Amino acid sequence: MKKLLIAALSGLLVLSMTACSSTSDKDANTKATQAESKTELNKEKTIHDINMKITSATIIKDDTLKKDEAMLQLHFAIKNDSKADYGIGSGDFYIQDKSGKKYEMAGHEDNFGDVIKSGKTLNGSGYYTIPKDAKDLTVVYNQAINKAKDKQTIRWEIGTPKSAK
């Protein structure tokens, strides 16, 4: 009888511990999903018949940076649906943190830039030096050549990028 009671209590203890752990897993998954949903990665935005999206935002290793800096790599997919050729590059975008501080393109040899023919798509990466502890980042499109004529910009909330594995 004692053994049966001990076995029943042990089983009840195991079940209650399992129930508690699955609840915290669900909470952690919910929080992770909420954090991911704040980003606008893969969200296409359009200006002047040019469709743009940022497909990834990753912190990459770069030995040329200071200890308190990080290299942010953004991968862009840009489609020209206009009737004319369209020039665009990494320098047309900048990073902004939640306090409003801007971070311009880094002088990286692999930064993208080209003239996109009508109906064609350009895929490429842009590199930006940001503080290591930067959080809640926004990417802003601000065409470098056309600043005086057109004040329109596009923004993507990218959150806090993760390091490459």
N, C-alpha and C. Protein backbone atom coordinates (compact mmCIF):
# COMPACT_ATOMS: atom_id res chain seq x y z
N MET A 1 0.81 -1.18 0.00
CA MET A 1 0.00 0.00 0.00
C MET A 1 0.87 1.26 0.00
N LYS A 2 1.93 1.27 0.85
CA LYS A 2 2.83 2.41 0.91
C LYS A 2 3.51 2.63 -0.44
N LYS A 3 3.94 1.51 -1.06
CA LYS A 3 4.62 1.61 -2.36
C LYS A 3 3.68 2.17 -3.41
N LEU A 4 2.44 1.76 -3.38
CA LEU A 4 1.45 2.25 -4.34
C LEU A 4 1.22 3.75 -4.15
N LEU A 5 1.14 4.20 -2.91
CA LEU A 5 0.95 5.61 -2.61
C LEU A 5 2.16 6.43 -3.07
N ILE A 6 3.37 5.93 -2.82
CA ILE A 6 4.59 6.63 -3.23
C ILE A 6 4.66 6.69 -4.76
N ALA A 7 4.31 5.61 -5.43
CA ALA A 7 4.33 5.58 -6.90
C ALA A 7 3.31 6.57 -7.46
N ALA A 8 2.13 6.63 -6.86
CA ALA A 8 1.10 7.56 -7.33
C ALA A 8 1.54 9.01 -7.13
N LEU A 9 2.12 9.32 -5.97
CA LEU A 9 2.61 10.67 -5.71
C LEU A 9 3.75 11.04 -6.66
N SER A 10 4.64 10.10 -6.93
CA SER A 10 5.75 10.34 -7.86
C SER A 10 5.21 10.64 -9.26
N GLY A 11 4.23 9.85 -9.68
CA GLY A 11 3.61 10.07 -10.99
C GLY A 11 2.94 11.43 -11.07
N LEU A 12 2.24 11.80 -10.01
CA LEU A 12 1.58 13.11 -9.95
C LEU A 12 2.60 14.24 -10.00
N LEU A 13 3.71 14.08 -9.31
CA LEU A 13 4.78 15.07 -9.30
C LEU A 13 5.37 15.23 -10.71
N VAL A 14 5.62 14.13 -11.38
CA VAL A 14 6.17 14.18 -12.74
C VAL A 14 5.20 14.89 -13.68
N LEU A 15 3.92 14.57 -13.59
CA LEU A 15 2.92 15.20 -14.45
C LEU A 15 2.82 16.70 -14.19
N SER A 16 2.86 17.09 -12.92
CA SER A 16 2.76 18.52 -12.62
C SER A 16 4.00 19.27 -13.09
N MET A 17 5.17 18.67 -13.00
CA MET A 17 6.40 19.31 -13.48
C MET A 17 6.36 19.45 -15.00
N THR A 18 5.86 18.45 -15.69
CA THR A 18 5.76 18.50 -17.15
C THR A 18 4.80 19.59 -17.58
N ALA A 19 3.70 19.71 -16.90
CA ALA A 19 2.71 20.74 -17.24
C ALA A 19 3.30 22.13 -17.05
N CYS A 20 4.06 22.33 -16.00
CA CYS A 20 4.67 23.64 -15.76
C CYS A 20 5.69 23.98 -16.83
N SER A 21 6.49 22.99 -17.22
CA SER A 21 7.52 23.28 -18.21
C SER A 21 6.92 23.54 -19.58
N SER A 22 5.86 22.88 -19.94
CA SER A 22 5.26 23.13 -21.26
C SER A 22 4.62 24.52 -21.31
N THR A 23 4.12 25.00 -20.20
CA THR A 23 3.55 26.34 -20.16
C THR A 23 4.64 27.39 -20.40
N SER A 24 5.79 27.23 -19.78
CA SER A 24 6.86 28.20 -19.98
C SER A 24 7.40 28.12 -21.40
N ASP A 25 7.40 26.93 -22.01
CA ASP A 25 7.82 26.81 -23.40
C ASP A 25 6.87 27.58 -24.30
N LYS A 26 5.57 27.46 -24.02
CA LYS A 26 4.58 28.20 -24.81
C LYS A 26 4.78 29.70 -24.66
N ASP A 27 5.05 30.15 -23.42
CA ASP A 27 5.28 31.57 -23.18
C ASP A 27 6.52 32.05 -23.93
N ALA A 28 7.58 31.25 -23.90
CA ALA A 28 8.82 31.62 -24.59
C ALA A 28 8.57 31.69 -26.10
N ASN A 29 7.83 30.72 -26.64
CA ASN A 29 7.52 30.73 -28.07
C ASN A 29 6.67 31.94 -28.44
N THR A 30 5.73 32.29 -27.59
CA THR A 30 4.88 33.46 -27.85
C THR A 30 5.71 34.73 -27.85
N LYS A 31 6.61 34.87 -26.88
CA LYS A 31 7.47 36.06 -26.82
C LYS A 31 8.38 36.13 -28.03
N ALA A 32 8.93 34.99 -28.46
CA ALA A 32 9.81 34.97 -29.64
C ALA A 32 9.02 35.36 -30.88
N THR A 33 7.80 34.87 -31.00
CA THR A 33 6.97 35.22 -32.15
C THR A 33 6.63 36.70 -32.15
N GLN A 34 6.33 37.25 -30.98
CA GLN A 34 6.03 38.68 -30.90
C GLN A 34 7.24 39.51 -31.29
N ALA A 35 8.43 39.08 -30.87
CA ALA A 35 9.64 39.82 -31.22
C ALA A 35 9.88 39.76 -32.72
N GLU A 36 9.67 38.58 -33.33
CA GLU A 36 9.86 38.45 -34.76
C GLU A 36 8.83 39.26 -35.54
N SER A 37 7.61 39.34 -35.04
CA SER A 37 6.56 40.03 -35.78
C SER A 37 6.77 41.54 -35.83
N LYS A 38 7.66 42.07 -35.00
CA LYS A 38 7.93 43.49 -35.02
C LYS A 38 8.82 43.88 -36.20
N THR A 39 9.44 42.90 -36.85
CA THR A 39 10.30 43.21 -37.98
C THR A 39 9.50 43.21 -39.27
N GLU A 40 10.02 43.94 -40.23
CA GLU A 40 9.37 44.00 -41.54
C GLU A 40 10.26 43.37 -42.62
N LEU A 41 11.06 42.38 -42.20
CA LEU A 41 11.86 41.65 -43.17
C LEU A 41 10.93 40.93 -44.14
N ASN A 42 11.30 40.91 -45.40
CA ASN A 42 10.52 40.30 -46.49
C ASN A 42 9.23 41.02 -46.79
N LYS A 43 9.05 42.21 -46.25
CA LYS A 43 7.86 43.01 -46.57
C LYS A 43 8.21 43.94 -47.72
N GLU A 44 7.50 43.77 -48.82
CA GLU A 44 7.78 44.59 -50.01
C GLU A 44 7.13 45.96 -49.87
N LYS A 45 7.92 46.99 -50.20
CA LYS A 45 7.42 48.37 -50.18
C LYS A 45 7.76 48.99 -51.52
N THR A 46 6.91 49.93 -51.96
CA THR A 46 7.04 50.49 -53.31
C THR A 46 7.12 52.01 -53.27
N ILE A 47 8.00 52.54 -54.13
CA ILE A 47 8.09 53.98 -54.35
C ILE A 47 8.43 54.17 -55.83
N HIS A 48 7.66 54.98 -56.52
CA HIS A 48 7.87 55.27 -57.96
C HIS A 48 7.98 53.99 -58.80
N ASP A 49 7.13 53.01 -58.57
CA ASP A 49 7.12 51.73 -59.29
C ASP A 49 8.39 50.91 -59.08
N ILE A 50 9.09 51.16 -58.01
CA ILE A 50 10.26 50.36 -57.64
C ILE A 50 9.87 49.59 -56.38
N ASN A 51 9.85 48.25 -56.50
CA ASN A 51 9.45 47.39 -55.39
C ASN A 51 10.70 46.91 -54.66
N MET A 52 10.76 47.19 -53.36
CA MET A 52 11.94 46.85 -52.57
C MET A 52 11.55 46.03 -51.36
N LYS A 53 12.44 45.09 -51.03
CA LYS A 53 12.28 44.39 -49.76
C LYS A 53 13.65 44.00 -49.23
N ILE A 54 13.72 43.93 -47.92
CA ILE A 54 14.92 43.48 -47.24
C ILE A 54 14.65 42.04 -46.83
N THR A 55 15.45 41.11 -47.36
CA THR A 55 15.18 39.70 -47.12
C THR A 55 15.91 39.15 -45.90
N SER A 56 16.98 39.82 -45.47
CA SER A 56 17.66 39.38 -44.25
C SER A 56 18.47 40.52 -43.65
N ALA A 57 18.65 40.44 -42.34
CA ALA A 57 19.46 41.41 -41.59
C ALA A 57 20.29 40.61 -40.60
N THR A 58 21.62 40.59 -40.81
CA THR A 58 22.49 39.74 -40.02
C THR A 58 23.74 40.50 -39.58
N ILE A 59 24.17 40.25 -38.36
CA ILE A 59 25.45 40.78 -37.90
C ILE A 59 26.52 39.79 -38.34
N ILE A 60 27.51 40.28 -39.10
CA ILE A 60 28.56 39.40 -39.59
C ILE A 60 29.90 39.76 -38.95
N LYS A 61 30.84 38.83 -39.04
CA LYS A 61 32.17 39.05 -38.47
C LYS A 61 32.96 39.97 -39.39
N ASP A 62 33.64 40.94 -38.79
CA ASP A 62 34.50 41.86 -39.53
C ASP A 62 35.62 42.29 -38.60
N ASP A 63 36.84 41.86 -38.92
CA ASP A 63 37.99 42.11 -38.05
C ASP A 63 38.51 43.54 -38.13
N THR A 64 37.98 44.36 -39.03
CA THR A 64 38.47 45.73 -39.19
C THR A 64 37.76 46.72 -38.26
N LEU A 65 36.75 46.27 -37.55
CA LEU A 65 35.95 47.17 -36.71
C LEU A 65 36.55 47.37 -35.33
N LYS A 66 36.14 48.44 -34.67
CA LYS A 66 36.51 48.68 -33.28
C LYS A 66 35.74 47.70 -32.40
N LYS A 67 36.16 47.57 -31.14
CA LYS A 67 35.53 46.60 -30.23
C LYS A 67 34.05 46.86 -29.99
N ASP A 68 33.64 48.12 -30.02
CA ASP A 68 32.24 48.45 -29.72
C ASP A 68 31.37 48.56 -30.97
N GLU A 69 31.90 48.12 -32.13
CA GLU A 69 31.15 48.20 -33.38
C GLU A 69 30.80 46.81 -33.91
N ALA A 70 29.78 46.76 -34.75
CA ALA A 70 29.37 45.53 -35.42
C ALA A 70 29.06 45.85 -36.88
N MET A 71 29.19 44.83 -37.74
CA MET A 71 28.89 45.00 -39.16
C MET A 71 27.53 44.36 -39.45
N LEU A 72 26.60 45.19 -39.90
CA LEU A 72 25.26 44.73 -40.25
C LEU A 72 25.21 44.50 -41.76
N GLN A 73 24.83 43.28 -42.14
CA GLN A 73 24.66 42.96 -43.56
C GLN A 73 23.16 42.86 -43.84
N LEU A 74 22.70 43.67 -44.79
CA LEU A 74 21.31 43.62 -45.24
C LEU A 74 21.28 43.07 -46.65
N HIS A 75 20.38 42.12 -46.90
CA HIS A 75 20.22 41.61 -48.26
C HIS A 75 18.94 42.22 -48.84
N PHE A 76 19.09 42.84 -50.00
CA PHE A 76 17.99 43.54 -50.66
C PHE A 76 17.55 42.79 -51.92
N ALA A 77 16.26 42.87 -52.23
CA ALA A 77 15.71 42.44 -53.52
C ALA A 77 14.90 43.62 -54.04
N ILE A 78 15.33 44.17 -55.18
CA ILE A 78 14.72 45.40 -55.70
C ILE A 78 14.30 45.17 -57.14
N LYS A 79 13.01 45.35 -57.42
CA LYS A 79 12.48 45.13 -58.77
C LYS A 79 12.02 46.45 -59.36
N ASN A 80 12.41 46.67 -60.60
CA ASN A 80 12.05 47.90 -61.32
C ASN A 80 10.81 47.62 -62.16
N ASP A 81 9.66 48.08 -61.72
CA ASP A 81 8.41 47.95 -62.48
C ASP A 81 8.07 49.23 -63.23
N SER A 82 9.01 50.18 -63.26
CA SER A 82 8.76 51.42 -64.00
C SER A 82 9.15 51.20 -65.47
N LYS A 83 8.93 52.21 -66.28
CA LYS A 83 9.26 52.11 -67.71
C LYS A 83 10.68 52.56 -68.01
N ALA A 84 11.37 53.13 -67.01
CA ALA A 84 12.72 53.66 -67.22
C ALA A 84 13.73 52.90 -66.35
N ASP A 85 15.00 52.97 -66.73
CA ASP A 85 16.06 52.40 -65.91
C ASP A 85 16.12 53.14 -64.58
N TYR A 86 16.58 52.45 -63.53
CA TYR A 86 16.59 53.05 -62.20
C TYR A 86 17.90 52.71 -61.49
N GLY A 87 18.66 53.72 -61.10
CA GLY A 87 19.92 53.51 -60.39
C GLY A 87 19.70 53.48 -58.89
N ILE A 88 20.30 52.48 -58.23
CA ILE A 88 20.14 52.34 -56.78
C ILE A 88 21.34 51.59 -56.22
N GLY A 89 21.66 51.87 -54.96
CA GLY A 89 22.77 51.19 -54.31
C GLY A 89 22.69 51.30 -52.80
N SER A 90 23.66 50.70 -52.14
CA SER A 90 23.70 50.68 -50.67
C SER A 90 23.71 52.08 -50.07
N GLY A 91 24.31 53.03 -50.77
CA GLY A 91 24.39 54.39 -50.27
C GLY A 91 23.05 55.11 -50.22
N ASP A 92 22.03 54.54 -50.86
CA ASP A 92 20.69 55.13 -50.84
C ASP A 92 19.91 54.75 -49.58
N PHE A 93 20.51 53.93 -48.72
CA PHE A 93 19.86 53.46 -47.50
C PHE A 93 20.74 53.83 -46.31
N TYR A 94 20.11 54.07 -45.17
CA TYR A 94 20.86 54.23 -43.93
C TYR A 94 20.09 53.54 -42.81
N ILE A 95 20.79 53.31 -41.71
CA ILE A 95 20.21 52.66 -40.54
C ILE A 95 19.95 53.74 -39.50
N GLN A 96 18.83 53.61 -38.80
CA GLN A 96 18.50 54.56 -37.75
C GLN A 96 18.11 53.77 -36.50
N ASP A 97 18.64 54.19 -35.35
CA ASP A 97 18.25 53.53 -34.11
C ASP A 97 17.06 54.25 -33.49
N LYS A 98 16.56 53.71 -32.37
CA LYS A 98 15.33 54.27 -31.79
C LYS A 98 15.51 55.69 -31.27
N SER A 99 16.76 56.11 -31.01
CA SER A 99 16.98 57.49 -30.56
C SER A 99 17.14 58.46 -31.73
N GLY A 100 17.10 57.94 -32.97
CA GLY A 100 17.18 58.80 -34.15
C GLY A 100 18.57 58.92 -34.74
N LYS A 101 19.57 58.28 -34.14
CA LYS A 101 20.94 58.36 -34.66
C LYS A 101 21.05 57.56 -35.96
N LYS A 102 21.73 58.15 -36.96
CA LYS A 102 21.86 57.52 -38.28
C LYS A 102 23.22 56.85 -38.44
N TYR A 103 23.21 55.72 -39.16
CA TYR A 103 24.43 55.00 -39.49
C TYR A 103 24.45 54.78 -41.00
N GLU A 104 25.44 55.38 -41.65
CA GLU A 104 25.54 55.32 -43.11
C GLU A 104 26.21 54.02 -43.55
N MET A 105 26.23 53.81 -44.85
CA MET A 105 26.85 52.65 -45.46
C MET A 105 28.34 52.59 -45.10
N ALA A 106 28.83 51.38 -44.84
CA ALA A 106 30.26 51.17 -44.58
C ALA A 106 30.98 51.00 -45.91
N GLY A 107 32.23 51.36 -45.95
CA GLY A 107 33.02 51.21 -47.18
C GLY A 107 33.43 49.76 -47.39
N HIS A 108 32.50 48.92 -47.72
CA HIS A 108 32.72 47.48 -47.89
C HIS A 108 32.72 47.17 -49.38
N GLU A 109 33.67 46.36 -49.82
CA GLU A 109 33.82 46.09 -51.26
C GLU A 109 32.62 45.37 -51.89
N ASP A 110 31.81 44.70 -51.09
CA ASP A 110 30.68 43.95 -51.63
C ASP A 110 29.36 44.71 -51.60
N ASN A 111 29.37 46.00 -51.28
CA ASN A 111 28.13 46.78 -51.30
C ASN A 111 27.53 46.75 -52.70
N PHE A 112 26.21 46.63 -52.77
CA PHE A 112 25.57 46.56 -54.08
C PHE A 112 25.31 47.96 -54.64
N GLY A 113 25.16 48.01 -55.92
CA GLY A 113 24.82 49.25 -56.62
C GLY A 113 24.81 48.98 -58.11
N ASP A 114 23.76 49.41 -58.79
CA ASP A 114 23.66 49.18 -60.23
C ASP A 114 22.47 49.96 -60.78
N VAL A 115 22.38 49.96 -62.09
CA VAL A 115 21.21 50.51 -62.77
C VAL A 115 20.34 49.31 -63.13
N ILE A 116 19.09 49.34 -62.67
CA ILE A 116 18.17 48.23 -62.92
C ILE A 116 17.35 48.56 -64.16
N LYS A 117 17.42 47.70 -65.14
CA LYS A 117 16.62 47.87 -66.35
C LYS A 117 15.15 47.65 -66.01
N SER A 118 14.27 48.23 -66.80
CA SER A 118 12.83 48.08 -66.61
C SER A 118 12.45 46.60 -66.63
N GLY A 119 11.67 46.18 -65.63
CA GLY A 119 11.21 44.79 -65.55
C GLY A 119 12.20 43.83 -64.92
N LYS A 120 13.38 44.29 -64.55
CA LYS A 120 14.42 43.42 -63.98
C LYS A 120 14.51 43.60 -62.47
N THR A 121 15.19 42.64 -61.83
CA THR A 121 15.36 42.65 -60.38
C THR A 121 16.85 42.65 -60.04
N LEU A 122 17.21 43.41 -59.03
CA LEU A 122 18.58 43.45 -58.51
C LEU A 122 18.56 42.87 -57.10
N ASN A 123 19.43 41.88 -56.87
CA ASN A 123 19.62 41.32 -55.54
C ASN A 123 21.04 41.65 -55.10
N GLY A 124 21.19 42.11 -53.88
CA GLY A 124 22.53 42.44 -53.40
C GLY A 124 22.53 42.74 -51.92
N SER A 125 23.73 42.88 -51.39
CA SER A 125 23.90 43.15 -49.97
C SER A 125 24.49 44.52 -49.73
N GLY A 126 24.03 45.15 -48.65
CA GLY A 126 24.57 46.41 -48.19
C GLY A 126 25.15 46.21 -46.80
N TYR A 127 26.23 46.92 -46.50
CA TYR A 127 26.93 46.75 -45.24
C TYR A 127 26.97 48.07 -44.49
N TYR A 128 26.68 48.00 -43.18
CA TYR A 128 26.55 49.21 -42.36
C TYR A 128 27.21 48.96 -41.01
N THR A 129 28.05 49.90 -40.58
CA THR A 129 28.71 49.80 -39.28
C THR A 129 27.78 50.41 -38.23
N ILE A 130 27.44 49.59 -37.23
CA ILE A 130 26.53 50.02 -36.16
C ILE A 130 27.17 49.71 -34.81
N PRO A 131 26.68 50.30 -33.72
CA PRO A 131 27.19 49.92 -32.39
C PRO A 131 26.81 48.47 -32.07
N LYS A 132 27.67 47.78 -31.34
CA LYS A 132 27.40 46.38 -30.98
C LYS A 132 26.09 46.22 -30.21
N ASP A 133 25.76 47.20 -29.39
CA ASP A 133 24.56 47.09 -28.55
C ASP A 133 23.32 47.73 -29.19
N ALA A 134 23.36 47.99 -30.49
CA ALA A 134 22.23 48.64 -31.17
C ALA A 134 21.00 47.73 -31.14
N LYS A 135 19.85 48.34 -30.85
CA LYS A 135 18.58 47.60 -30.79
C LYS A 135 17.50 48.40 -31.50
N ASP A 136 16.43 47.73 -31.88
CA ASP A 136 15.27 48.37 -32.49
C ASP A 136 15.67 49.27 -33.67
N LEU A 137 16.28 48.66 -34.66
CA LEU A 137 16.79 49.41 -35.80
C LEU A 137 15.75 49.55 -36.91
N THR A 138 15.90 50.61 -37.68
CA THR A 138 15.05 50.89 -38.83
C THR A 138 15.96 51.15 -40.02
N VAL A 139 15.60 50.58 -41.18
CA VAL A 139 16.31 50.87 -42.42
C VAL A 139 15.49 51.91 -43.16
N VAL A 140 16.15 52.97 -43.63
CA VAL A 140 15.47 54.06 -44.32
C VAL A 140 16.02 54.18 -45.73
N TYR A 141 15.13 54.19 -46.72
CA TYR A 141 15.52 54.46 -48.10
C TYR A 141 15.42 55.96 -48.31
N ASN A 142 16.53 56.55 -48.74
CA ASN A 142 16.60 57.98 -48.94
C ASN A 142 17.52 58.21 -50.12
N GLN A 143 16.97 58.15 -51.32
CA GLN A 143 17.78 58.17 -52.53
C GLN A 143 18.79 59.30 -52.51
N ALA A 144 20.06 58.95 -52.58
CA ALA A 144 21.16 59.91 -52.43
C ALA A 144 21.14 61.01 -53.49
N ILE A 145 20.89 60.67 -54.73
CA ILE A 145 20.96 61.64 -55.83
C ILE A 145 19.75 62.55 -55.88
N ASN A 146 18.60 62.06 -55.47
CA ASN A 146 17.34 62.76 -55.70
C ASN A 146 16.80 63.45 -54.44
N LYS A 147 17.63 63.73 -53.46
CA LYS A 147 17.16 64.27 -52.18
C LYS A 147 16.40 65.59 -52.33
N ALA A 148 16.86 66.48 -53.18
CA ALA A 148 16.24 67.80 -53.29
C ALA A 148 14.87 67.73 -53.94
N LYS A 149 14.67 66.82 -54.89
CA LYS A 149 13.43 66.76 -55.66
C LYS A 149 12.31 66.02 -54.94
N ASP A 150 12.65 64.98 -54.23
CA ASP A 150 11.62 64.08 -53.71
C ASP A 150 11.89 63.77 -52.24
N LYS A 151 11.00 64.16 -51.38
CA LYS A 151 11.19 63.95 -49.95
C LYS A 151 10.64 62.61 -49.47
N GLN A 152 10.08 61.79 -50.37
CA GLN A 152 9.51 60.51 -49.97
C GLN A 152 10.61 59.55 -49.53
N THR A 153 10.32 58.80 -48.49
CA THR A 153 11.22 57.75 -48.04
C THR A 153 10.40 56.51 -47.71
N ILE A 154 11.10 55.40 -47.60
CA ILE A 154 10.48 54.15 -47.18
C ILE A 154 11.27 53.67 -45.97
N ARG A 155 10.55 53.06 -45.00
CA ARG A 155 11.20 52.58 -43.79
C ARG A 155 10.81 51.12 -43.54
N TRP A 156 11.77 50.37 -43.03
CA TRP A 156 11.53 48.99 -42.60
C TRP A 156 12.02 48.86 -41.17
N GLU A 157 11.15 48.38 -40.29
CA GLU A 157 11.56 48.06 -38.92
C GLU A 157 12.23 46.69 -38.97
N ILE A 158 13.52 46.63 -38.60
CA ILE A 158 14.21 45.34 -38.64
C ILE A 158 14.54 44.81 -37.25
N GLY A 159 14.16 45.56 -36.22
CA GLY A 159 14.38 45.09 -34.85
C GLY A 159 15.86 45.03 -34.49
N THR A 160 16.23 43.98 -33.76
CA THR A 160 17.62 43.77 -33.35
C THR A 160 18.17 42.58 -34.11
N PRO A 161 19.03 42.81 -35.09
CA PRO A 161 19.55 41.70 -35.91
C PRO A 161 20.35 40.70 -35.08
N LYS A 162 20.33 39.45 -35.53
CA LYS A 162 21.06 38.38 -34.87
C LYS A 162 22.40 38.17 -35.58
N SER A 163 23.34 37.59 -34.86
CA SER A 163 24.65 37.29 -35.44
C SER A 163 24.55 36.08 -36.36
N ALA A 164 25.39 36.07 -37.39
CA ALA A 164 25.45 34.92 -38.30
C ALA A 164 26.00 33.73 -37.53
N LYS A 165 25.51 32.55 -37.90
CA LYS A 165 25.95 31.33 -37.19
C LYS A 165 27.17 30.75 -37.83
